[in-house]
Amino acid sequence: MSEAFDITETLDVKGASCPMPVVKTKSAIDDLAEGDILEVVATDSGSMSDLDGWATGTDGVEMLEQVEDGDVYKHYVKKTA
């Protein structure tokens, strides 16, 4: 679970819909150092597939975990390069 992650920064994109969660996540990841972990908190259910697809297709990032918590979706993305 997410408690095991040493979260570097939390990005709140609640209320934003596609493509903004991905756009804002990319921007936030660009500002982090290698090994840092970004927690993304969203309310758009589409963010589950959108962010996973972005992480899968993007060099230098790894999707560690995605958690659905009621109407909130949490994504844990690690910068790997």
N, C-alpha and C. Protein backbone atom coordinates (compact mmCIF):
# COMPACT_ATOMS: atom_id res chain seq x y z
N MET A 1 0.83 -1.20 0.00
CA MET A 1 0.00 0.00 0.00
C MET A 1 0.86 1.25 0.00
N SER A 2 0.21 2.36 -0.19
CA SER A 2 0.90 3.62 -0.36
C SER A 2 1.70 4.04 0.86
N GLU A 3 1.36 3.52 2.03
CA GLU A 3 2.09 3.89 3.24
C GLU A 3 3.57 3.51 3.14
N ALA A 4 3.87 2.55 2.29
CA ALA A 4 5.25 2.09 2.15
C ALA A 4 6.08 3.04 1.30
N PHE A 5 5.42 3.94 0.59
CA PHE A 5 6.14 4.86 -0.29
C PHE A 5 6.59 6.09 0.48
N ASP A 6 7.77 6.55 0.16
CA ASP A 6 8.28 7.80 0.70
C ASP A 6 7.92 8.90 -0.30
N ILE A 7 6.73 9.46 -0.12
CA ILE A 7 6.18 10.42 -1.08
C ILE A 7 6.95 11.73 -1.00
N THR A 8 7.43 12.18 -2.14
CA THR A 8 8.19 13.42 -2.23
C THR A 8 7.25 14.62 -2.33
N GLU A 9 6.20 14.46 -3.13
CA GLU A 9 5.30 15.58 -3.39
C GLU A 9 3.91 15.03 -3.69
N THR A 10 2.89 15.79 -3.33
CA THR A 10 1.51 15.43 -3.67
C THR A 10 0.95 16.45 -4.63
N LEU A 11 0.35 15.96 -5.72
CA LEU A 11 -0.27 16.81 -6.72
C LEU A 11 -1.77 16.60 -6.64
N ASP A 12 -2.50 17.67 -6.35
CA ASP A 12 -3.96 17.60 -6.24
C ASP A 12 -4.57 18.06 -7.56
N VAL A 13 -5.16 17.12 -8.28
CA VAL A 13 -5.84 17.45 -9.54
C VAL A 13 -7.34 17.13 -9.44
N LYS A 14 -7.86 17.16 -8.21
CA LYS A 14 -9.28 16.89 -8.02
C LYS A 14 -10.09 17.94 -8.78
N GLY A 15 -11.12 17.47 -9.47
CA GLY A 15 -11.98 18.36 -10.25
C GLY A 15 -11.52 18.54 -11.69
N ALA A 16 -10.29 18.15 -11.99
CA ALA A 16 -9.77 18.27 -13.35
C ALA A 16 -10.12 17.01 -14.14
N SER A 17 -10.45 17.21 -15.41
CA SER A 17 -10.76 16.05 -16.25
C SER A 17 -9.74 15.97 -17.38
N CYS A 18 -9.77 14.85 -18.07
CA CYS A 18 -8.83 14.56 -19.16
C CYS A 18 -8.74 15.75 -20.11
N PRO A 19 -7.56 16.15 -20.49
CA PRO A 19 -6.25 15.54 -20.25
C PRO A 19 -5.46 16.17 -19.10
N MET A 20 -6.09 17.06 -18.32
CA MET A 20 -5.34 17.84 -17.34
C MET A 20 -4.61 17.02 -16.28
N PRO A 21 -5.17 15.93 -15.74
CA PRO A 21 -4.38 15.16 -14.77
C PRO A 21 -3.05 14.67 -15.35
N VAL A 22 -3.04 14.25 -16.60
CA VAL A 22 -1.80 13.78 -17.23
C VAL A 22 -0.87 14.96 -17.48
N VAL A 23 -1.40 16.06 -17.99
CA VAL A 23 -0.58 17.24 -18.28
C VAL A 23 0.08 17.76 -17.01
N LYS A 24 -0.69 17.86 -15.94
CA LYS A 24 -0.15 18.38 -14.68
C LYS A 24 0.82 17.38 -14.04
N THR A 25 0.55 16.08 -14.18
CA THR A 25 1.46 15.07 -13.65
C THR A 25 2.80 15.14 -14.36
N LYS A 26 2.78 15.25 -15.69
CA LYS A 26 4.03 15.34 -16.45
C LYS A 26 4.82 16.56 -16.00
N SER A 27 4.16 17.68 -15.83
CA SER A 27 4.85 18.90 -15.41
C SER A 27 5.47 18.74 -14.02
N ALA A 28 4.71 18.12 -13.11
CA ALA A 28 5.21 17.93 -11.74
C ALA A 28 6.39 16.95 -11.71
N ILE A 29 6.30 15.87 -12.49
CA ILE A 29 7.38 14.87 -12.55
C ILE A 29 8.65 15.51 -13.10
N ASP A 30 8.51 16.39 -14.08
CA ASP A 30 9.68 17.05 -14.67
C ASP A 30 10.48 17.84 -13.64
N ASP A 31 9.80 18.32 -12.59
CA ASP A 31 10.46 19.13 -11.56
C ASP A 31 11.08 18.29 -10.44
N LEU A 32 10.86 16.97 -10.47
CA LEU A 32 11.38 16.11 -9.41
C LEU A 32 12.73 15.51 -9.79
N ALA A 33 13.42 15.00 -8.78
CA ALA A 33 14.70 14.34 -9.00
C ALA A 33 14.49 12.84 -9.21
N GLU A 34 15.45 12.19 -9.81
CA GLU A 34 15.38 10.75 -10.02
C GLU A 34 15.20 10.05 -8.67
N GLY A 35 14.26 9.12 -8.62
CA GLY A 35 13.98 8.38 -7.39
C GLY A 35 12.84 8.98 -6.57
N ASP A 36 12.44 10.22 -6.89
CA ASP A 36 11.34 10.86 -6.17
C ASP A 36 10.01 10.20 -6.55
N ILE A 37 9.07 10.26 -5.61
CA ILE A 37 7.74 9.68 -5.84
C ILE A 37 6.69 10.77 -5.73
N LEU A 38 5.85 10.84 -6.76
CA LEU A 38 4.77 11.81 -6.82
C LEU A 38 3.45 11.09 -6.54
N GLU A 39 2.70 11.62 -5.59
CA GLU A 39 1.34 11.14 -5.34
C GLU A 39 0.40 12.07 -6.09
N VAL A 40 -0.44 11.51 -6.95
CA VAL A 40 -1.42 12.30 -7.70
C VAL A 40 -2.79 11.93 -7.18
N VAL A 41 -3.54 12.93 -6.72
CA VAL A 41 -4.87 12.72 -6.17
C VAL A 41 -5.89 13.32 -7.14
N ALA A 42 -6.76 12.47 -7.68
CA ALA A 42 -7.71 12.89 -8.72
C ALA A 42 -9.13 12.43 -8.38
N THR A 43 -10.10 13.07 -9.03
CA THR A 43 -11.50 12.64 -8.89
C THR A 43 -12.06 12.13 -10.21
N ASP A 44 -11.29 12.22 -11.28
CA ASP A 44 -11.70 11.74 -12.60
C ASP A 44 -11.40 10.25 -12.70
N SER A 45 -12.44 9.43 -12.83
CA SER A 45 -12.22 7.98 -12.90
C SER A 45 -11.37 7.60 -14.11
N GLY A 46 -11.40 8.41 -15.15
CA GLY A 46 -10.59 8.17 -16.33
C GLY A 46 -9.10 8.30 -16.06
N SER A 47 -8.76 8.95 -14.94
CA SER A 47 -7.34 9.12 -14.62
C SER A 47 -6.67 7.77 -14.37
N MET A 48 -7.44 6.76 -13.98
CA MET A 48 -6.86 5.44 -13.74
C MET A 48 -6.21 4.90 -15.01
N SER A 49 -6.94 4.92 -16.11
CA SER A 49 -6.38 4.41 -17.37
C SER A 49 -5.47 5.44 -18.02
N ASP A 50 -5.82 6.73 -17.93
CA ASP A 50 -5.02 7.77 -18.58
C ASP A 50 -3.61 7.84 -18.01
N LEU A 51 -3.50 7.89 -16.68
CA LEU A 51 -2.18 8.01 -16.07
C LEU A 51 -1.37 6.72 -16.21
N ASP A 52 -2.05 5.58 -16.14
CA ASP A 52 -1.36 4.31 -16.33
C ASP A 52 -0.80 4.22 -17.74
N GLY A 53 -1.60 4.61 -18.71
CA GLY A 53 -1.15 4.59 -20.10
C GLY A 53 0.00 5.54 -20.35
N TRP A 54 -0.10 6.73 -19.73
CA TRP A 54 0.98 7.72 -19.88
C TRP A 54 2.28 7.17 -19.28
N ALA A 55 2.19 6.61 -18.07
CA ALA A 55 3.39 6.09 -17.40
C ALA A 55 4.00 4.93 -18.18
N THR A 56 3.16 4.06 -18.72
CA THR A 56 3.64 2.91 -19.48
C THR A 56 4.37 3.36 -20.74
N GLY A 57 3.89 4.42 -21.36
CA GLY A 57 4.47 4.88 -22.61
C GLY A 57 5.53 5.95 -22.47
N THR A 58 5.90 6.28 -21.24
CA THR A 58 6.85 7.37 -21.00
C THR A 58 8.12 6.84 -20.36
N ASP A 59 9.25 7.10 -21.00
CA ASP A 59 10.53 6.72 -20.42
C ASP A 59 10.80 7.59 -19.20
N GLY A 60 11.39 6.99 -18.18
CA GLY A 60 11.81 7.76 -17.01
C GLY A 60 10.79 7.85 -15.90
N VAL A 61 9.63 7.18 -16.08
CA VAL A 61 8.64 7.14 -15.01
C VAL A 61 8.12 5.72 -14.85
N GLU A 62 7.68 5.41 -13.65
CA GLU A 62 7.11 4.09 -13.35
C GLU A 62 5.88 4.27 -12.48
N MET A 63 4.77 3.67 -12.88
CA MET A 63 3.57 3.68 -12.06
C MET A 63 3.73 2.61 -10.98
N LEU A 64 3.83 3.04 -9.73
CA LEU A 64 4.03 2.11 -8.63
C LEU A 64 2.73 1.47 -8.18
N GLU A 65 1.69 2.30 -8.09
CA GLU A 65 0.41 1.80 -7.58
C GLU A 65 -0.68 2.80 -7.91
N GLN A 66 -1.90 2.27 -8.05
CA GLN A 66 -3.08 3.11 -8.20
C GLN A 66 -4.12 2.59 -7.20
N VAL A 67 -4.74 3.52 -6.49
CA VAL A 67 -5.70 3.15 -5.45
C VAL A 67 -7.01 3.91 -5.67
N GLU A 68 -8.12 3.17 -5.68
CA GLU A 68 -9.44 3.80 -5.74
C GLU A 68 -9.98 3.86 -4.32
N ASP A 69 -10.25 5.08 -3.86
CA ASP A 69 -10.73 5.29 -2.49
C ASP A 69 -12.02 6.08 -2.56
N GLY A 70 -13.13 5.37 -2.78
CA GLY A 70 -14.41 6.06 -2.96
C GLY A 70 -14.40 6.83 -4.27
N ASP A 71 -14.60 8.14 -4.18
CA ASP A 71 -14.60 8.99 -5.37
C ASP A 71 -13.24 9.60 -5.66
N VAL A 72 -12.23 9.16 -4.93
CA VAL A 72 -10.88 9.71 -5.10
C VAL A 72 -9.96 8.61 -5.63
N TYR A 73 -9.13 8.99 -6.58
CA TYR A 73 -8.19 8.06 -7.20
C TYR A 73 -6.79 8.55 -6.91
N LYS A 74 -5.97 7.67 -6.33
CA LYS A 74 -4.60 8.03 -5.98
C LYS A 74 -3.63 7.24 -6.84
N HIS A 75 -2.66 7.95 -7.36
CA HIS A 75 -1.67 7.36 -8.26
C HIS A 75 -0.29 7.66 -7.68
N TYR A 76 0.58 6.67 -7.68
CA TYR A 76 1.93 6.83 -7.15
C TYR A 76 2.93 6.60 -8.28
N VAL A 77 3.56 7.68 -8.71
CA VAL A 77 4.45 7.64 -9.86
C VAL A 77 5.87 7.94 -9.42
N LYS A 78 6.80 7.08 -9.81
CA LYS A 78 8.21 7.26 -9.46
C LYS A 78 8.97 7.77 -10.68
N LYS A 79 9.81 8.78 -10.46
CA LYS A 79 10.69 9.25 -11.52
C LYS A 79 11.92 8.35 -11.51
N THR A 80 12.17 7.66 -12.62
CA THR A 80 13.25 6.69 -12.68
C THR A 80 14.47 7.17 -13.46
N ALA A 81 14.34 8.30 -14.11
CA ALA A 81 15.49 8.85 -14.86
C ALA A 81 15.37 10.34 -14.97
